[in-house]
Every structure is written in C-alpha cells, then in structure tokens.
N, C-alpha and C. Protein backbone atom coordinates (compact mmCIF):
# COMPACT_ATOMS: atom_id res chain seq x y z
N MET A 1 -10.50 -9.54 22.74
CA MET A 1 -10.13 -8.53 21.73
C MET A 1 -8.84 -8.00 22.05
N THR A 2 -7.66 -8.10 21.27
CA THR A 2 -6.56 -7.75 21.36
C THR A 2 -6.46 -6.15 21.16
N ASP A 3 -5.38 -5.59 21.91
CA ASP A 3 -5.18 -4.13 21.57
C ASP A 3 -5.09 -3.61 20.03
N THR A 4 -4.43 -4.60 19.37
CA THR A 4 -4.23 -4.33 17.85
C THR A 4 -5.59 -4.41 17.12
N GLU A 5 -6.38 -5.32 17.52
CA GLU A 5 -7.95 -5.40 16.95
C GLU A 5 -8.88 -3.91 17.53
N LYS A 6 -8.52 -3.44 18.65
CA LYS A 6 -9.04 -2.49 19.03
C LYS A 6 -8.85 -1.43 18.07
N SER A 7 -7.82 -1.11 17.43
CA SER A 7 -7.29 0.04 16.85
C SER A 7 -7.61 -0.11 15.41
N PRO A 8 -8.08 0.64 14.59
CA PRO A 8 -8.49 0.63 13.31
C PRO A 8 -7.16 -0.16 12.40
N LEU A 9 -7.59 -0.93 11.53
CA LEU A 9 -6.62 -1.99 10.53
C LEU A 9 -5.57 -0.69 9.98
N LEU A 10 -6.22 0.08 9.38
CA LEU A 10 -5.58 0.86 8.36
C LEU A 10 -6.53 2.25 8.52
N GLU A 11 -5.55 3.55 9.13
CA GLU A 11 -6.02 4.94 8.99
C GLU A 11 -5.03 5.79 8.45
N ILE A 12 -5.90 6.40 7.51
CA ILE A 12 -5.09 7.60 6.81
C ILE A 12 -5.67 9.03 7.38
N GLN A 13 -4.78 9.69 7.82
CA GLN A 13 -5.23 11.02 8.30
C GLN A 13 -4.61 12.15 7.47
N GLU A 14 -5.40 12.99 7.01
CA GLU A 14 -4.95 14.06 6.12
C GLU A 14 -3.75 14.05 5.28
N LEU A 15 -3.79 12.83 4.55
CA LEU A 15 -2.70 12.51 3.64
C LEU A 15 -2.74 13.36 2.34
N THR A 16 -1.54 13.87 1.94
CA THR A 16 -1.33 14.85 0.82
C THR A 16 0.00 14.29 0.52
N VAL A 17 0.00 13.93 -1.03
CA VAL A 17 1.00 13.48 -1.80
C VAL A 17 1.13 14.38 -3.15
N GLY A 18 2.39 14.94 -3.21
CA GLY A 18 2.63 15.63 -4.36
C GLY A 18 4.08 15.46 -4.98
N PHE A 19 4.14 15.93 -6.18
CA PHE A 19 5.04 15.61 -7.15
C PHE A 19 5.57 16.92 -7.41
N SER A 20 7.06 16.92 -7.95
CA SER A 20 7.66 18.30 -8.39
C SER A 20 6.94 18.61 -9.34
N GLY A 21 6.78 19.95 -9.87
CA GLY A 21 6.10 20.52 -11.01
C GLY A 21 7.07 20.57 -11.85
N ALA A 22 6.33 20.83 -13.34
CA ALA A 22 7.22 20.83 -14.56
C ALA A 22 7.47 22.41 -14.91
N GLY A 23 8.44 22.53 -16.06
CA GLY A 23 8.69 23.30 -16.27
C GLY A 23 9.75 24.41 -15.13
N ARG A 24 9.36 25.75 -15.36
CA ARG A 24 10.15 26.71 -14.41
C ARG A 24 10.00 26.00 -12.95
N ASN A 25 9.19 25.84 -12.46
CA ASN A 25 8.76 25.32 -11.02
C ASN A 25 8.81 24.29 -10.68
N LYS A 26 10.02 23.51 -11.17
CA LYS A 26 10.48 21.96 -10.82
C LYS A 26 10.42 21.68 -9.33
N GLU A 27 10.63 23.01 -8.31
CA GLU A 27 10.91 22.96 -7.18
C GLU A 27 9.35 22.76 -6.40
N THR A 28 8.62 23.39 -6.89
CA THR A 28 7.41 23.24 -6.42
C THR A 28 6.43 22.12 -6.44
N MET A 29 6.09 21.42 -5.45
CA MET A 29 5.41 20.57 -5.40
C MET A 29 3.82 20.60 -5.51
N VAL A 30 3.18 20.10 -6.49
CA VAL A 30 2.12 19.97 -7.00
C VAL A 30 1.40 18.90 -6.01
N PRO A 31 0.48 19.11 -5.43
CA PRO A 31 -0.60 17.90 -4.88
C PRO A 31 -1.36 17.04 -5.62
N VAL A 32 -1.13 15.88 -5.46
CA VAL A 32 -1.91 15.05 -6.38
C VAL A 32 -3.02 14.03 -5.65
N VAL A 33 -2.91 14.11 -4.49
CA VAL A 33 -3.95 13.50 -3.33
C VAL A 33 -3.93 14.81 -2.29
N ARG A 34 -5.08 15.20 -1.98
CA ARG A 34 -5.02 16.24 -1.04
C ARG A 34 -5.81 15.92 0.26
N ASP A 35 -5.32 16.00 1.35
CA ASP A 35 -6.19 15.95 2.57
C ASP A 35 -6.91 14.51 2.65
N LEU A 36 -6.43 13.32 2.27
CA LEU A 36 -7.34 12.46 2.23
C LEU A 36 -7.40 11.68 3.62
N SER A 37 -8.52 11.10 4.31
CA SER A 37 -8.66 10.83 5.43
C SER A 37 -9.31 9.61 5.23
N LEU A 38 -9.03 8.22 5.83
CA LEU A 38 -10.42 7.07 5.74
C LEU A 38 -9.76 6.26 6.92
N THR A 39 -10.90 5.42 7.20
CA THR A 39 -10.52 4.62 8.34
C THR A 39 -10.93 3.16 8.03
N LEU A 40 -10.18 2.26 8.17
CA LEU A 40 -10.57 0.84 7.83
C LEU A 40 -10.36 0.04 8.91
N ASP A 41 -11.31 -0.65 9.46
CA ASP A 41 -11.48 -1.46 10.60
C ASP A 41 -11.24 -3.06 10.12
N HIS A 42 -10.52 -3.60 11.19
CA HIS A 42 -10.55 -4.96 10.95
C HIS A 42 -11.92 -5.88 10.51
N GLY A 43 -11.51 -6.72 9.48
CA GLY A 43 -12.74 -7.21 8.85
C GLY A 43 -13.61 -6.58 8.01
N GLU A 44 -13.20 -5.51 7.73
CA GLU A 44 -13.90 -4.47 6.62
C GLU A 44 -13.23 -4.92 5.40
N THR A 45 -13.86 -4.48 4.24
CA THR A 45 -13.28 -4.27 2.85
C THR A 45 -13.76 -3.13 2.50
N LEU A 46 -12.88 -2.54 1.52
CA LEU A 46 -13.14 -1.12 1.23
C LEU A 46 -12.55 -1.18 -0.45
N GLY A 47 -13.40 -0.37 -1.07
CA GLY A 47 -13.12 -0.34 -2.63
C GLY A 47 -13.02 1.34 -2.70
N ILE A 48 -12.22 1.59 -3.48
CA ILE A 48 -12.13 3.08 -3.76
C ILE A 48 -12.29 3.01 -5.26
N VAL A 49 -13.16 3.95 -5.54
CA VAL A 49 -13.48 4.40 -7.01
C VAL A 49 -13.14 5.57 -7.21
N GLY A 50 -13.06 6.14 -8.59
CA GLY A 50 -12.94 7.26 -9.07
C GLY A 50 -12.45 7.22 -10.45
N GLU A 51 -12.29 8.38 -11.16
CA GLU A 51 -11.96 8.64 -12.30
C GLU A 51 -10.49 8.41 -12.69
N SER A 52 -10.20 8.51 -13.56
CA SER A 52 -8.66 8.16 -13.98
C SER A 52 -7.77 9.20 -13.35
N GLY A 53 -6.68 9.43 -12.56
CA GLY A 53 -6.01 10.57 -12.03
C GLY A 53 -6.61 11.19 -10.78
N SER A 54 -7.63 10.25 -10.29
CA SER A 54 -8.02 10.91 -9.04
C SER A 54 -7.36 10.56 -7.60
N GLY A 55 -6.37 9.68 -7.86
CA GLY A 55 -5.39 9.51 -6.73
C GLY A 55 -5.54 8.16 -5.99
N LYS A 56 -6.27 7.20 -6.81
CA LYS A 56 -6.51 6.03 -6.21
C LYS A 56 -5.32 5.16 -5.91
N THR A 57 -4.56 5.09 -7.26
CA THR A 57 -3.34 4.36 -7.15
C THR A 57 -2.08 4.80 -6.10
N MET A 58 -1.92 6.30 -6.42
CA MET A 58 -1.07 6.94 -5.60
C MET A 58 -1.29 6.95 -3.93
N THR A 59 -2.67 6.73 -3.79
CA THR A 59 -2.97 6.59 -2.22
C THR A 59 -2.29 5.13 -1.99
N ALA A 60 -2.66 4.14 -2.71
CA ALA A 60 -2.01 2.67 -2.48
C ALA A 60 -0.65 2.71 -2.61
N TYR A 61 0.01 3.50 -3.47
CA TYR A 61 1.45 3.79 -3.25
C TYR A 61 2.16 4.26 -2.03
N ALA A 62 1.47 5.46 -1.58
CA ALA A 62 1.78 5.82 -0.23
C ALA A 62 1.51 4.92 0.83
N ILE A 63 0.52 4.39 0.82
CA ILE A 63 0.58 2.99 2.02
C ILE A 63 1.63 2.03 1.64
N LEU A 64 2.13 1.56 0.68
CA LEU A 64 3.18 0.74 0.48
C LEU A 64 4.45 1.43 0.15
N ASP A 65 4.64 2.52 0.49
CA ASP A 65 5.70 3.49 0.13
C ASP A 65 6.48 3.28 -0.97
N LEU A 66 5.92 3.29 -2.14
CA LEU A 66 6.23 2.94 -3.48
C LEU A 66 5.83 4.22 -4.27
N ILE A 67 5.81 5.58 -3.75
CA ILE A 67 5.81 6.71 -4.44
C ILE A 67 6.86 7.01 -5.38
N PRO A 68 6.58 6.96 -6.96
CA PRO A 68 7.49 7.01 -7.87
C PRO A 68 8.60 8.43 -7.34
N GLN A 69 9.63 8.21 -7.85
CA GLN A 69 10.37 9.47 -8.07
C GLN A 69 9.79 10.72 -8.34
N GLY A 70 10.60 11.79 -7.95
CA GLY A 70 9.66 12.89 -7.92
C GLY A 70 8.51 13.31 -7.01
N GLY A 71 8.31 12.24 -6.21
CA GLY A 71 6.72 12.45 -5.54
C GLY A 71 7.42 12.19 -3.99
N LYS A 72 6.33 12.83 -3.22
CA LYS A 72 6.82 12.58 -1.70
C LYS A 72 5.57 12.88 -0.88
N ILE A 73 5.18 12.24 0.16
CA ILE A 73 4.15 12.36 1.23
C ILE A 73 4.50 13.95 1.88
N MET A 74 3.74 14.95 1.30
CA MET A 74 3.77 16.34 1.83
C MET A 74 3.02 16.42 3.32
N GLY A 75 2.17 15.73 3.49
CA GLY A 75 1.64 15.82 5.15
C GLY A 75 0.62 14.48 5.49
N GLY A 76 0.21 14.47 6.73
CA GLY A 76 -0.67 13.33 7.09
C GLY A 76 0.32 12.31 7.63
N ASP A 77 -0.52 11.53 7.93
CA ASP A 77 -0.14 10.18 8.72
C ASP A 77 -0.82 8.95 8.12
N ILE A 78 -0.23 7.71 7.90
CA ILE A 78 -0.80 6.49 7.81
C ILE A 78 -0.50 5.47 8.73
N ARG A 79 -1.61 5.06 9.55
CA ARG A 79 -1.17 4.25 10.46
C ARG A 79 -1.80 2.72 10.22
N LEU A 80 -0.98 1.62 10.62
CA LEU A 80 -1.38 0.35 10.63
C LEU A 80 -1.32 -0.44 11.79
N ASN A 81 -2.41 -0.76 12.16
CA ASN A 81 -2.94 -1.34 13.23
C ASN A 81 -2.23 -0.29 14.65
N GLY A 82 -2.40 0.72 14.17
CA GLY A 82 -2.29 1.90 15.66
C GLY A 82 -0.94 2.48 15.42
N ALA A 83 -0.22 1.98 14.54
CA ALA A 83 1.30 2.46 14.56
C ALA A 83 1.80 3.27 13.17
N SER A 84 2.14 4.27 13.29
CA SER A 84 2.41 4.98 11.97
C SER A 84 3.98 4.52 11.31
N ILE A 85 3.30 4.29 9.96
CA ILE A 85 4.35 3.55 9.11
C ILE A 85 5.11 4.18 8.06
N LEU A 86 4.73 5.64 8.43
CA LEU A 86 5.66 6.71 7.59
C LEU A 86 7.20 6.74 8.21
N GLY A 87 8.05 6.81 7.17
CA GLY A 87 9.45 6.91 7.60
C GLY A 87 9.98 5.69 8.27
N LEU A 88 9.51 4.78 7.99
CA LEU A 88 10.03 3.19 8.44
C LEU A 88 11.07 2.99 7.58
N GLY A 89 12.26 2.08 8.20
CA GLY A 89 13.55 1.75 7.25
C GLY A 89 13.04 0.86 6.18
N LYS A 90 13.96 0.41 5.29
CA LYS A 90 13.52 -0.55 3.99
C LYS A 90 13.05 -1.79 4.78
N SER A 91 13.96 -2.37 5.77
CA SER A 91 13.44 -3.66 6.31
C SER A 91 12.32 -3.79 6.85
N GLU A 92 11.92 -2.46 7.84
CA GLU A 92 10.38 -2.42 8.40
C GLU A 92 9.50 -2.47 7.23
N THR A 93 9.78 -1.69 6.06
CA THR A 93 8.84 -1.65 5.24
C THR A 93 8.67 -3.03 4.49
N ARG A 94 9.65 -3.75 4.08
CA ARG A 94 9.53 -4.88 3.37
C ARG A 94 8.65 -5.76 4.31
N GLU A 95 8.67 -5.91 5.60
CA GLU A 95 8.13 -6.71 6.37
C GLU A 95 6.83 -6.31 6.56
N ILE A 96 6.36 -5.17 6.40
CA ILE A 96 4.79 -4.73 6.11
C ILE A 96 4.46 -4.95 4.75
N ARG A 97 5.29 -4.77 3.83
CA ARG A 97 4.65 -5.16 2.55
C ARG A 97 4.42 -6.77 2.33
N GLY A 98 5.39 -7.42 3.19
CA GLY A 98 5.11 -8.86 2.98
C GLY A 98 4.03 -9.58 3.58
N ASN A 99 3.95 -9.06 4.97
CA ASN A 99 2.82 -9.53 5.70
C ASN A 99 1.67 -8.92 5.93
N ALA A 100 1.52 -7.49 6.00
CA ALA A 100 0.17 -6.93 6.37
C ALA A 100 -0.30 -6.51 5.35
N VAL A 101 0.09 -5.79 3.90
CA VAL A 101 -0.12 -5.26 2.84
C VAL A 101 0.27 -5.58 1.69
N SER A 102 -0.40 -5.54 0.82
CA SER A 102 -0.08 -5.98 -0.58
C SER A 102 -0.98 -5.54 -1.67
N MET A 103 -0.61 -5.21 -2.83
CA MET A 103 -1.21 -4.98 -3.95
C MET A 103 -1.08 -5.72 -5.33
N ILE A 104 -1.99 -5.83 -5.97
CA ILE A 104 -1.85 -6.11 -7.34
C ILE A 104 -2.22 -5.04 -8.17
N PHE A 105 -1.22 -4.58 -8.95
CA PHE A 105 -1.11 -3.32 -9.73
C PHE A 105 -2.32 -3.26 -10.80
N GLN A 106 -2.50 -2.15 -11.30
CA GLN A 106 -3.79 -1.96 -12.17
C GLN A 106 -3.65 -2.97 -13.38
N GLU A 107 -2.61 -3.23 -14.06
CA GLU A 107 -2.70 -4.07 -15.25
C GLU A 107 -1.86 -5.26 -14.79
N PRO A 108 -3.08 -6.37 -14.47
CA PRO A 108 -2.67 -7.47 -14.03
C PRO A 108 -1.83 -8.37 -14.76
N MET A 109 -1.90 -8.30 -16.25
CA MET A 109 -1.26 -9.09 -17.08
C MET A 109 0.11 -8.86 -17.15
N THR A 110 0.65 -7.65 -16.65
CA THR A 110 2.05 -7.47 -16.28
C THR A 110 2.40 -7.91 -14.94
N ALA A 111 1.50 -7.82 -14.04
CA ALA A 111 1.91 -8.23 -12.63
C ALA A 111 1.76 -9.71 -12.41
N LEU A 112 0.72 -10.40 -12.86
CA LEU A 112 0.49 -11.71 -12.79
C LEU A 112 0.81 -12.64 -14.19
N ASN A 113 1.42 -13.62 -14.17
CA ASN A 113 1.99 -14.37 -14.97
C ASN A 113 0.79 -15.50 -15.25
N PRO A 114 0.17 -15.61 -16.79
CA PRO A 114 -0.90 -16.03 -17.14
C PRO A 114 -0.70 -17.67 -17.41
N VAL A 115 0.83 -18.01 -17.08
CA VAL A 115 1.11 -19.26 -17.61
C VAL A 115 0.93 -19.96 -16.10
N PHE A 116 0.92 -19.25 -14.82
CA PHE A 116 0.75 -20.12 -13.39
C PHE A 116 -0.75 -19.71 -12.86
N THR A 117 -1.13 -20.44 -12.07
CA THR A 117 -2.61 -20.14 -11.48
C THR A 117 -2.18 -18.68 -10.50
N ILE A 118 -3.33 -18.05 -10.15
CA ILE A 118 -3.06 -16.98 -9.33
C ILE A 118 -2.89 -17.70 -7.73
N GLY A 119 -3.25 -18.65 -7.50
CA GLY A 119 -2.96 -19.05 -6.33
C GLY A 119 -1.62 -19.63 -6.24
N ASP A 120 -0.95 -20.11 -7.28
CA ASP A 120 0.60 -20.65 -7.27
C ASP A 120 1.34 -19.18 -7.04
N GLN A 121 0.86 -18.19 -7.77
CA GLN A 121 1.61 -16.70 -7.63
C GLN A 121 1.57 -15.98 -6.32
N ILE A 122 0.41 -16.12 -5.71
CA ILE A 122 0.39 -15.80 -4.35
C ILE A 122 0.86 -16.23 -3.22
N SER A 123 0.60 -17.55 -3.51
CA SER A 123 1.46 -18.86 -2.69
C SER A 123 3.07 -18.21 -2.42
N GLU A 124 3.48 -18.27 -3.85
CA GLU A 124 5.17 -17.88 -4.01
C GLU A 124 5.40 -16.55 -3.12
N ALA A 125 4.70 -15.66 -3.39
CA ALA A 125 4.69 -14.45 -2.89
C ALA A 125 4.84 -14.45 -1.17
N TYR A 126 3.90 -15.23 -0.57
CA TYR A 126 3.84 -15.67 0.74
C TYR A 126 5.10 -16.10 1.00
N ARG A 127 5.47 -17.36 0.51
CA ARG A 127 6.79 -18.01 0.56
C ARG A 127 7.73 -17.07 0.86
N LEU A 128 7.95 -15.89 0.01
CA LEU A 128 9.13 -15.34 0.21
C LEU A 128 9.07 -14.32 1.32
N HIS A 129 8.12 -14.00 2.10
CA HIS A 129 8.07 -13.36 3.48
C HIS A 129 7.73 -14.07 4.52
N HIS A 130 7.62 -15.30 4.60
CA HIS A 130 7.43 -16.39 5.52
C HIS A 130 8.13 -17.57 5.40
N THR A 131 8.18 -18.43 6.52
CA THR A 131 9.21 -19.54 6.67
C THR A 131 8.15 -20.56 6.64
N ALA A 132 7.64 -20.70 5.47
CA ALA A 132 6.66 -21.85 5.03
C ALA A 132 6.86 -22.58 3.91
N GLY A 133 6.63 -23.93 4.17
CA GLY A 133 6.82 -24.64 2.92
C GLY A 133 5.68 -24.72 2.06
N LYS A 134 5.48 -25.47 0.86
CA LYS A 134 4.90 -25.15 -0.13
C LYS A 134 3.41 -25.62 0.21
N LYS A 135 3.29 -26.52 0.92
CA LYS A 135 1.67 -26.99 1.36
C LYS A 135 1.45 -26.10 2.33
N ASP A 136 2.07 -25.53 3.36
CA ASP A 136 1.70 -24.30 4.34
C ASP A 136 1.12 -23.38 3.45
N ALA A 137 2.08 -23.06 2.39
CA ALA A 137 1.99 -21.76 2.01
C ALA A 137 0.50 -21.51 0.98
N ARG A 138 0.36 -22.92 0.53
CA ARG A 138 -0.79 -23.18 -0.34
C ARG A 138 -2.04 -22.95 0.52
N GLU A 139 -2.27 -23.54 1.74
CA GLU A 139 -3.02 -23.83 2.32
C GLU A 139 -3.40 -21.98 2.85
N ARG A 140 -2.66 -21.58 3.27
CA ARG A 140 -2.49 -20.35 3.69
C ARG A 140 -3.37 -19.10 2.62
N THR A 141 -2.87 -19.41 1.37
CA THR A 141 -3.25 -18.77 0.04
C THR A 141 -4.84 -19.10 -0.02
C-alpha cells in the first residue's frame, strides 16, 4: 500500500462556504454550508442526499474550486490524497479537475449532449487532460 493509499482519498474538515448577504448587509457573509466534515477512503463510494438548498452542490463546487461569484470558502480544509487543495493555482486546480475529480452537473441534459454516447463524452474529457489516443481513452473510459 502506497502512502497515498494510506491517506483518505478525500477528507473535508469543518468546511464552511458562504455568500455575501443581500440588501444592506452585502459585506456580511451568510453561510450556506456549515462545518461539514467527511472522509472518503480509496475504493469507497459516497452518496450525498438532502433537500434542495441543503448544500450538496455547493460542497461539490468547493471541492472543484467552482464556487460562484460572491461566494467563498470561509473556513475548513479539503484534502485530496492527504494534500490540501485549497488555494492552489489555476494550473494545479485544472490538473486536479482533469485527473482526480470530476462532476456531472445537476442538469445532465445541459452538461451532456444527447447526440453522442456518454462514453464518447467521457472519453473526450479524458483526452483533454491526458496524452492518450482515442483507443486508449475509450479503454480507460
């Protein structure tokens, strides 16, 4: 077992995500995810369920560094294979998004093109982030 495999695959510690308030309190940050902690080990699958507005998508956005304008991570840490991924540069973040973490957004009809197979679309995304030919990408997909 490698050192990477000894660390959790994903570890979120006391994550708080907030957005600037509306009206007179625009400078006040309003938390939308509060003190979330979870651990996902290698080989595990995690499903996050909850009501609309409970923070599922915002948690995924935080992991991918895709929090919409007006929002920010107010506290906590996100670790991937034991290393913090908060505050990385654009190229490092792109590397993580392309190789270690990905997301199909809530409305798959806007994220996926029904003219092409899902396999072709995943394979295309893989090729964008790796030096792989079509056959290799398809096998990996």
